PDB file of N, CA and C in Angstrom:
ATOM      1  N   MET A   1      29.554 219.885 165.587  1.00  0.00           N
ATOM      2  CA  MET A   1      28.253 220.795 164.744  1.00  0.00           C
ATOM      3  C   MET A   1      28.735 221.934 164.202  1.00  0.00           C
ATOM      4  N   LEU A   2      28.634 222.615 163.302  1.00  0.00           N
ATOM      5  CA  LEU A   2      28.135 223.765 162.738  1.00  0.00           C
ATOM      6  C   LEU A   2      27.527 225.171 164.089  1.00  0.00           C
ATOM      7  N   ASP A   3      27.830 226.242 163.882  1.00  0.00           N
ATOM      8  CA  ASP A   3      27.464 227.277 164.257  1.00  0.00           C
ATOM      9  C   ASP A   3      27.735 228.169 162.945  1.00  0.00           C
ATOM     10  N   ILE A   4      25.923 228.345 162.091  1.00  0.00           N
ATOM     11  CA  ILE A   4      25.582 229.721 161.333  1.00  0.00           C
ATOM     12  C   ILE A   4      24.999 230.688 161.878  1.00  0.00           C
ATOM     13  N   LYS A   5      25.307 231.669 161.369  1.00  0.00           N
ATOM     14  CA  LYS A   5      24.218 232.702 162.244  1.00  0.00           C
ATOM     15  C   LYS A   5      24.064 233.644 160.710  1.00  0.00           C
ATOM     16  N   VAL A   6      23.021 234.148 160.899  1.00  0.00           N
ATOM     17  CA  VAL A   6      22.203 234.999 159.809  1.00  0.00           C
ATOM     18  C   VAL A   6      22.375 236.187 160.277  1.00  0.00           C
ATOM     19  N   LEU A   7      22.606 237.235 159.702  1.00  0.00           N
ATOM     20  CA  LEU A   7      22.735 238.699 160.464  1.00  0.00           C
ATOM     21  C   LEU A   7      21.723 239.539 159.369  1.00  0.00           C
ATOM     22  N   GLY A   8      21.213 239.994 159.872  1.00  0.00           N
ATOM     23  CA  GLY A   8      20.438 240.879 159.589  1.00  0.00           C
ATOM     24  C   GLY A   8      18.783 241.101 159.992  1.00  0.00           C
ATOM     25  N   PRO A   9      17.723 242.146 159.554  1.00  0.00           N
ATOM     26  CA  PRO A   9      16.855 242.740 160.268  1.00  0.00           C
ATOM     27  C   PRO A   9      15.747 241.754 160.274  1.00  0.00           C
ATOM     28  N   GLY A  10      15.723 240.627 159.190  1.00  0.00           N
ATOM     29  CA  GLY A  10      14.701 239.809 159.223  1.00  0.00           C
ATOM     30  C   GLY A  10      13.731 239.845 158.059  1.00  0.00           C
ATOM     31  N   CYS A  11      14.519 240.894 156.667  1.00  0.00           N
ATOM     32  CA  CYS A  11      14.088 240.940 155.696  1.00  0.00           C
ATOM     33  C   CYS A  11      13.987 240.166 154.655  1.00  0.00           C
ATOM     34  N   ASP A  12      13.185 240.275 153.713  1.00  0.00           N
ATOM     35  CA  ASP A  12      13.159 239.015 152.503  1.00  0.00           C
ATOM     36  C   ASP A  12      14.614 238.408 152.163  1.00  0.00           C
ATOM     37  N   ASN A  13      15.685 239.213 152.023  1.00  0.00           N
ATOM     38  CA  ASN A  13      17.170 238.737 151.799  1.00  0.00           C
ATOM     39  C   ASN A  13      17.471 237.935 153.006  1.00  0.00           C
ATOM     40  N   CYS A  14      17.253 238.163 154.112  1.00  0.00           N
ATOM     41  CA  CYS A  14      17.611 237.955 154.984  1.00  0.00           C
ATOM     42  C   CYS A  14      16.975 236.268 155.110  1.00  0.00           C
ATOM     43  N   LYS A  15      16.281 236.234 155.011  1.00  0.00           N
ATOM     44  CA  LYS A  15      15.191 234.748 155.257  1.00  0.00           C
ATOM     45  C   LYS A  15      15.530 233.968 153.990  1.00  0.00           C
ATOM     46  N   LYS A  16      15.983 234.488 152.600  1.00  0.00           N
ATOM     47  CA  LYS A  16      16.790 233.890 151.725  1.00  0.00           C
ATOM     48  C   LYS A  16      17.833 232.757 152.115  1.00  0.00           C
ATOM     49  N   VAL A  17      18.610 234.372 152.744  1.00  0.00           N
ATOM     50  CA  VAL A  17      19.778 233.678 153.384  1.00  0.00           C
ATOM     51  C   VAL A  17      19.960 232.245 154.110  1.00  0.00           C
ATOM     52  N   GLU A  18      18.849 232.467 155.103  1.00  0.00           N
ATOM     53  CA  GLU A  18      18.772 231.480 155.793  1.00  0.00           C
ATOM     54  C   GLU A  18      17.929 230.059 155.017  1.00  0.00           C
ATOM     55  N   ALA A  19      17.473 230.404 154.412  1.00  0.00           N
ATOM     56  CA  ALA A  19      16.486 229.107 153.705  1.00  0.00           C
ATOM     57  C   ALA A  19      17.765 228.415 152.602  1.00  0.00           C
ATOM     58  N   LEU A  20      19.104 228.895 151.904  1.00  0.00           N
ATOM     59  CA  LEU A  20      19.827 228.809 151.187  1.00  0.00           C
ATOM     60  C   LEU A  20      20.745 227.854 152.860  1.00  0.00           C
ATOM     61  N   ALA A  21      20.952 228.515 153.966  1.00  0.00           N
ATOM     62  CA  ALA A  21      21.854 227.910 154.244  1.00  0.00           C
ATOM     63  C   ALA A  21      21.542 226.493 155.025  1.00  0.00           C
ATOM     64  N   LYS A  22      19.894 226.045 155.418  1.00  0.00           N
ATOM     65  CA  LYS A  22      19.111 225.400 156.043  1.00  0.00           C
ATOM     66  C   LYS A  22      19.165 223.870 154.560  1.00  0.00           C
ATOM     67  N   GLN A  23      19.089 224.785 153.246  1.00  0.00           N
ATOM     68  CA  GLN A  23      19.081 223.600 152.346  1.00  0.00           C
ATOM     69  C   GLN A  23      20.531 222.881 152.665  1.00  0.00           C
ATOM     70  N   ALA A  24      21.194 224.120 152.214  1.00  0.00           N
ATOM     71  CA  ALA A  24      23.001 223.320 151.992  1.00  0.00           C
ATOM     72  C   ALA A  24      23.133 221.984 153.346  1.00  0.00           C
ATOM     73  N   VAL A  25      22.676 222.652 154.837  1.00  0.00           N
ATOM     74  CA  VAL A  25      22.764 221.552 156.134  1.00  0.00           C
ATOM     75  C   VAL A  25      22.449 220.466 155.616  1.00  0.00           C
ATOM     76  N   ALA A  26      21.351 220.566 155.409  1.00  0.00           N
ATOM     77  CA  ALA A  26      19.941 219.483 155.275  1.00  0.00           C
ATOM     78  C   ALA A  26      20.944 218.787 153.945  1.00  0.00           C
ATOM     79  N   ASN A  27      21.346 219.048 152.234  1.00  0.00           N
ATOM     80  CA  ASN A  27      22.139 218.868 151.127  1.00  0.00           C
ATOM     81  C   ASN A  27      23.221 217.476 151.908  1.00  0.00           C
ATOM     82  N   LEU A  28      23.887 217.841 152.914  1.00  0.00           N
ATOM     83  CA  LEU A  28      25.373 217.854 153.110  1.00  0.00           C
ATOM     84  C   LEU A  28      24.942 216.691 154.428  1.00  0.00           C
ATOM     85  N   GLY A  29      23.795 216.859 155.090  1.00  0.00           N
ATOM     86  CA  GLY A  29      23.163 215.871 156.066  1.00  0.00           C
ATOM     87  C   GLY A  29      24.410 215.953 157.344  1.00  0.00           C
ATOM     88  N   VAL A  30      24.647 217.462 157.698  1.00  0.00           N
ATOM     89  CA  VAL A  30      25.310 217.938 158.708  1.00  0.00           C
ATOM     90  C   VAL A  30      24.641 217.986 159.768  1.00  0.00           C
ATOM     91  N   GLU A  31      24.805 218.192 160.999  1.00  0.00           N
ATOM     92  CA  GLU A  31      24.178 219.238 161.889  1.00  0.00           C
ATOM     93  C   GLU A  31      24.783 220.609 162.408  1.00  0.00           C
ATOM     94  N   ALA A  32      24.025 221.576 162.156  1.00  0.00           N
ATOM     95  CA  ALA A  32      23.899 222.372 162.471  1.00  0.00           C
ATOM     96  C   ALA A  32      23.405 223.589 163.543  1.00  0.00           C
ATOM     97  N   ALA A  33      24.019 224.527 164.013  1.00  0.00           N
ATOM     98  CA  ALA A  33      22.593 225.345 164.551  1.00  0.00           C
ATOM     99  C   ALA A  33      22.656 226.912 163.814  1.00  0.00           C
ATOM    100  N   ILE A  34      21.557 226.897 163.378  1.00  0.00           N
ATOM    101  CA  ILE A  34      20.955 228.717 162.558  1.00  0.00           C
ATOM    102  C   ILE A  34      20.800 229.081 163.695  1.00  0.00           C
ATOM    103  N   GLU A  35      21.192 229.959 163.608  1.00  0.00           N
ATOM    104  CA  GLU A  35      20.669 231.525 164.349  1.00  0.00           C
ATOM    105  C   GLU A  35      20.397 232.515 164.068  1.00  0.00           C
ATOM    106  N   LYS A  36      19.422 233.863 164.192  1.00  0.00           N
ATOM    107  CA  LYS A  36      19.556 234.414 163.431  1.00  0.00           C
ATOM    108  C   LYS A  36      19.490 235.788 163.964  1.00  0.00           C
ATOM    109  N   ILE A  37      20.472 236.646 163.727  1.00  0.00           N
ATOM    110  CA  ILE A  37      20.504 238.061 164.880  1.00  0.00           C
ATOM    111  C   ILE A  37      20.701 238.962 164.052  1.00  0.00           C
ATOM    112  N   ILE A  38      19.420 240.057 164.392  1.00  0.00           N
ATOM    113  CA  ILE A  38      19.138 241.196 164.539  1.00  0.00           C
ATOM    114  C   ILE A  38      19.697 242.449 164.657  1.00  0.00           C
ATOM    115  N   ASP A  39      19.921 242.573 165.720  1.00  0.00           N
ATOM    116  CA  ASP A  39      20.551 243.329 166.824  1.00  0.00           C
ATOM    117  C   ASP A  39      22.231 243.640 165.594  1.00  0.00           C
ATOM    118  N   ARG A  40      21.745 245.073 165.630  1.00  0.00           N
ATOM    119  CA  ARG A  40      22.525 246.008 164.670  1.00  0.00           C
ATOM    120  C   ARG A  40      23.861 245.972 165.450  1.00  0.00           C
ATOM    121  N   ALA A  41      24.079 246.026 166.594  1.00  0.00           N
ATOM    122  CA  ALA A  41      25.351 245.948 167.138  1.00  0.00           C
ATOM    123  C   ALA A  41      26.026 244.847 167.614  1.00  0.00           C
ATOM    124  N   GLU A  42      25.446 243.692 167.249  1.00  0.00           N
ATOM    125  CA  GLU A  42      26.438 242.701 166.504  1.00  0.00           C
ATOM    126  C   GLU A  42      27.277 242.375 165.503  1.00  0.00           C
ATOM    127  N   TYR A  43      26.389 243.046 164.352  1.00  0.00           N
ATOM    128  CA  TYR A  43      27.159 242.865 163.114  1.00  0.00           C
ATOM    129  C   TYR A  43      28.794 243.298 163.045  1.00  0.00           C
ATOM    130  N   PRO A  44      28.781 244.537 163.859  1.00  0.00           N
ATOM    131  CA  PRO A  44      30.967 245.043 163.069  1.00  0.00           C
ATOM    132  C   PRO A  44      31.404 243.647 164.372  1.00  0.00           C
ATOM    133  N   LYS A  45      31.084 242.931 165.372  1.00  0.00           N
ATOM    134  CA  LYS A  45      31.383 241.846 165.765  1.00  0.00           C
ATOM    135  C   LYS A  45      32.300 240.835 164.911  1.00  0.00           C
ATOM    136  N   TYR A  46      31.481 240.697 163.546  1.00  0.00           N
ATOM    137  CA  TYR A  46      31.716 239.668 162.628  1.00  0.00           C
ATOM    138  C   TYR A  46      32.219 240.374 161.143  1.00  0.00           C
ATOM    139  N   GLY A  47      32.413 241.688 161.438  1.00  0.00           N
ATOM    140  CA  GLY A  47      33.240 242.923 160.245  1.00  0.00           C
ATOM    141  C   GLY A  47      31.911 242.983 159.085  1.00  0.00           C
ATOM    142  N   LEU A  48      30.572 242.614 159.644  1.00  0.00           N
ATOM    143  CA  LEU A  48      29.640 242.801 158.610  1.00  0.00           C
ATOM    144  C   LEU A  48      29.069 244.384 158.616  1.00  0.00           C
ATOM    145  N   LEU A  49      29.589 244.563 156.872  1.00  0.00           N
ATOM    146  CA  LEU A  49      29.235 246.161 156.987  1.00  0.00           C
ATOM    147  C   LEU A  49      27.687 246.380 156.048  1.00  0.00           C
ATOM    148  N   TYR A  50      27.257 245.702 155.554  1.00  0.00           N
ATOM    149  CA  TYR A  50      25.855 245.535 154.522  1.00  0.00           C
ATOM    150  C   TYR A  50      25.427 244.146 155.199  1.00  0.00           C
ATOM    151  N   THR A  51      23.972 243.956 155.455  1.00  0.00           N
ATOM    152  CA  THR A  51      23.225 242.665 155.550  1.00  0.00           C
ATOM    153  C   THR A  51      22.565 242.256 153.604  1.00  0.00           C
ATOM    154  N   PRO A  52      22.152 241.315 153.619  1.00  0.00           N
ATOM    155  CA  PRO A  52      22.448 240.370 154.727  1.00  0.00           C
ATOM    156  C   PRO A  52      23.968 239.617 154.492  1.00  0.00           C
ATOM    157  N   GLY A  53      23.859 239.155 155.720  1.00  0.00           N
ATOM    158  CA  GLY A  53      25.196 238.754 156.121  1.00  0.00           C
ATOM    159  C   GLY A  53      25.628 236.799 156.732  1.00  0.00           C
ATOM    160  N   LEU A  54      26.572 236.315 156.378  1.00  0.00           N
ATOM    161  CA  LEU A  54      26.166 234.746 156.700  1.00  0.00           C
ATOM    162  C   LEU A  54      27.541 234.397 157.777  1.00  0.00           C
ATOM    163  N   VAL A  55      27.414 233.877 158.440  1.00  0.00           N
ATOM    164  CA  VAL A  55      28.451 233.765 159.195  1.00  0.00           C
ATOM    165  C   VAL A  55      28.165 232.090 159.483  1.00  0.00           C
ATOM    166  N   ILE A  56      29.688 231.280 159.352  1.00  0.00           N
ATOM    167  CA  ILE A  56      29.811 230.071 159.843  1.00  0.00           C
ATOM    168  C   ILE A  56      30.883 229.820 160.955  1.00  0.00           C
ATOM    169  N   ASN A  57      31.009 229.157 161.513  1.00  0.00           N
ATOM    170  CA  ASN A  57      31.718 228.991 162.651  1.00  0.00           C
ATOM    171  C   ASN A  57      32.786 230.256 162.948  1.00  0.00           C
ATOM    172  N   ASN A  58      31.920 231.534 162.996  1.00  0.00           N
ATOM    173  CA  ASN A  58      32.699 232.393 163.656  1.00  0.00           C
ATOM    174  C   ASN A  58      33.070 233.650 162.385  1.00  0.00           C
ATOM    175  N   LYS A  59      32.826 233.111 161.266  1.00  0.00           N
ATOM    176  CA  LYS A  59      33.956 233.715 160.477  1.00  0.00           C
ATOM    177  C   LYS A  59      32.841 233.969 159.369  1.00  0.00           C
ATOM    178  N   LEU A  60      32.527 235.830 158.826  1.00  0.00           N
ATOM    179  CA  LEU A  60      31.955 235.845 158.219  1.00  0.00           C
ATOM    180  C   LEU A  60      32.294 235.209 156.498  1.00  0.00           C
ATOM    181  N   VAL A  61      31.751 234.627 155.879  1.00  0.00           N
ATOM    182  CA  VAL A  61      31.625 233.882 154.818  1.00  0.00           C
ATOM    183  C   VAL A  61      31.031 235.033 153.294  1.00  0.00           C
ATOM    184  N   CYS A  62      29.930 235.948 153.583  1.00  0.00           N
ATOM    185  CA  CYS A  62      29.260 236.810 152.974  1.00  0.00           C
ATOM    186  C   CYS A  62      28.232 237.549 153.298  1.00  0.00           C
ATOM    187  N   GLY A  63      28.379 238.647 152.778  1.00  0.00           N
ATOM    188  CA  GLY A  63      28.161 239.815 153.583  1.00  0.00           C
ATOM    189  C   GLY A  63      27.373 240.892 152.275  1.00  0.00           C
ATOM    190  N   GLY A  64      26.264 241.714 152.550  1.00  0.00           N
ATOM    191  CA  GLY A  64      25.578 242.857 151.343  1.00  0.00           C
ATOM    192  C   GLY A  64      24.889 241.988 150.120  1.00  0.00           C
ATOM    193  N   ARG A  65      24.672 240.481 149.943  1.00  0.00           N
ATOM    194  CA  ARG A  65      24.152 239.880 148.923  1.00  0.00           C
ATOM    195  C   ARG A  65      23.725 239.130 149.083  1.00  0.00           C
ATOM    196  N   ILE A  66      23.073 238.150 148.203  1.00  0.00           N
ATOM    197  CA  ILE A  66      22.751 236.854 148.542  1.00  0.00           C
ATOM    198  C   ILE A  66      23.291 235.836 147.659  1.00  0.00           C
ATOM    199  N   PRO A  67      23.869 234.945 148.421  1.00  0.00           N
ATOM    200  CA  PRO A  67      24.956 233.960 147.407  1.00  0.00           C
ATOM    201  C   PRO A  67      24.223 233.398 146.773  1.00  0.00           C
ATOM    202  N   THR A  68      25.045 232.341 146.294  1.00  0.00           N
ATOM    203  CA  THR A  68      24.241 231.217 145.149  1.00  0.00           C
ATOM    204  C   THR A  68      23.843 230.126 146.137  1.00  0.00           C
ATOM    205  N   GLU A  69      22.943 229.062 145.718  1.00  0.00           N
ATOM    206  CA  GLU A  69      23.021 228.043 146.476  1.00  0.00           C
ATOM    207  C   GLU A  69      24.568 227.038 146.538  1.00  0.00           C
ATOM    208  N   ALA A  70      25.386 226.961 145.422  1.00  0.00           N
ATOM    209  CA  ALA A  70      26.693 226.052 145.573  1.00  0.00           C
ATOM    210  C   ALA A  70      27.493 227.010 145.949  1.00  0.00           C
ATOM    211  N   GLU A  71      27.497 228.482 146.322  1.00  0.00           N
ATOM    212  CA  GLU A  71      28.275 228.835 147.370  1.00  0.00           C
ATOM    213  C   GLU A  71      28.467 228.592 148.583  1.00  0.00           C
ATOM    214  N   VAL A  72      27.160 228.732 149.047  1.00  0.00           N
ATOM    215  CA  VAL A  72      26.780 228.189 150.200  1.00  0.00           C
ATOM    216  C   VAL A  72      27.123 226.980 150.564  1.00  0.00           C
ATOM    217  N   LEU A  73      26.685 226.086 149.923  1.00  0.00           N
ATOM    218  CA  LEU A  73      27.362 224.557 149.673  1.00  0.00           C
ATOM    219  C   LEU A  73      28.849 224.475 150.227  1.00  0.00           C
ATOM    220  N   THR A  74      29.578 224.989 149.345  1.00  0.00           N
ATOM    221  CA  THR A  74      30.905 224.941 149.157  1.00  0.00           C
ATOM    222  C   THR A  74      31.338 225.791 150.757  1.00  0.00           C
ATOM    223  N   TRP A  75      30.921 226.384 151.119  1.00  0.00           N
ATOM    224  CA  TRP A  75      31.151 227.099 152.497  1.00  0.00           C
ATOM    225  C   TRP A  75      30.784 226.639 153.962  1.00  0.00           C
ATOM    226  N   VAL A  76      29.837 225.650 153.682  1.00  0.00           N
ATOM    227  CA  VAL A  76      29.159 224.399 155.083  1.00  0.00           C
ATOM    228  C   VAL A  76      30.479 223.599 154.637  1.00  0.00           C
ATOM    229  N   ALA A  77      30.328 222.994 153.940  1.00  0.00           N
ATOM    230  CA  ALA A  77      31.019 221.740 153.146  1.00  0.00           C
ATOM    231  C   ALA A  77      32.638 222.362 154.035  1.00  0.00           C
ATOM    232  N   ASP A  78      33.558 223.770 153.194  1.00  0.00           N
ATOM    233  CA  ASP A  78      34.826 223.732 153.676  1.00  0.00           C
ATOM    234  C   ASP A  78      34.942 224.019 155.156  1.00  0.00           C
ATOM    235  N   ALA A  79      34.137 224.533 155.854  1.00  0.00           N
ATOM    236  CA  ALA A  79      33.589 224.735 157.650  1.00  0.00           C
ATOM    237  C   ALA A  79      33.707 222.844 157.950  1.00  0.00           C
ATOM    238  N   LEU A  80      33.659 222.251 157.527  1.00  0.00           N
ATOM    239  CA  LEU A  80      33.249 220.673 158.171  1.00  0.00           C
ATOM    240  C   LEU A  80      34.590 220.199 158.307  1.00  0.00           C
ATOM    241  N   ASN A  81      35.572 220.796 157.364  1.00  0.00           N
ATOM    242  CA  ASN A  81      36.961 220.388 157.153  1.00  0.00           C
ATOM    243  C   ASN A  81      38.062 220.801 158.627  1.00  0.00           C
TER     244      ASN A  81
END
């Protein structure tokens, strides 16, 4: 099972990143635990400088922008290998 974290204060951009992650997981038919992390003190642990952030299996794959649907799909697929 994949471990996916969305880092951010809960703004619209964070919600978009979470929706993209859920969609990618559904499209690939894999199981994933998707967690929202709103505690700013946690961000440096992943190397995040600007929100929103997307962490897959404890690796920061995107920060400070909203990734494309294709990017998220690729990152999730790569994390499965």
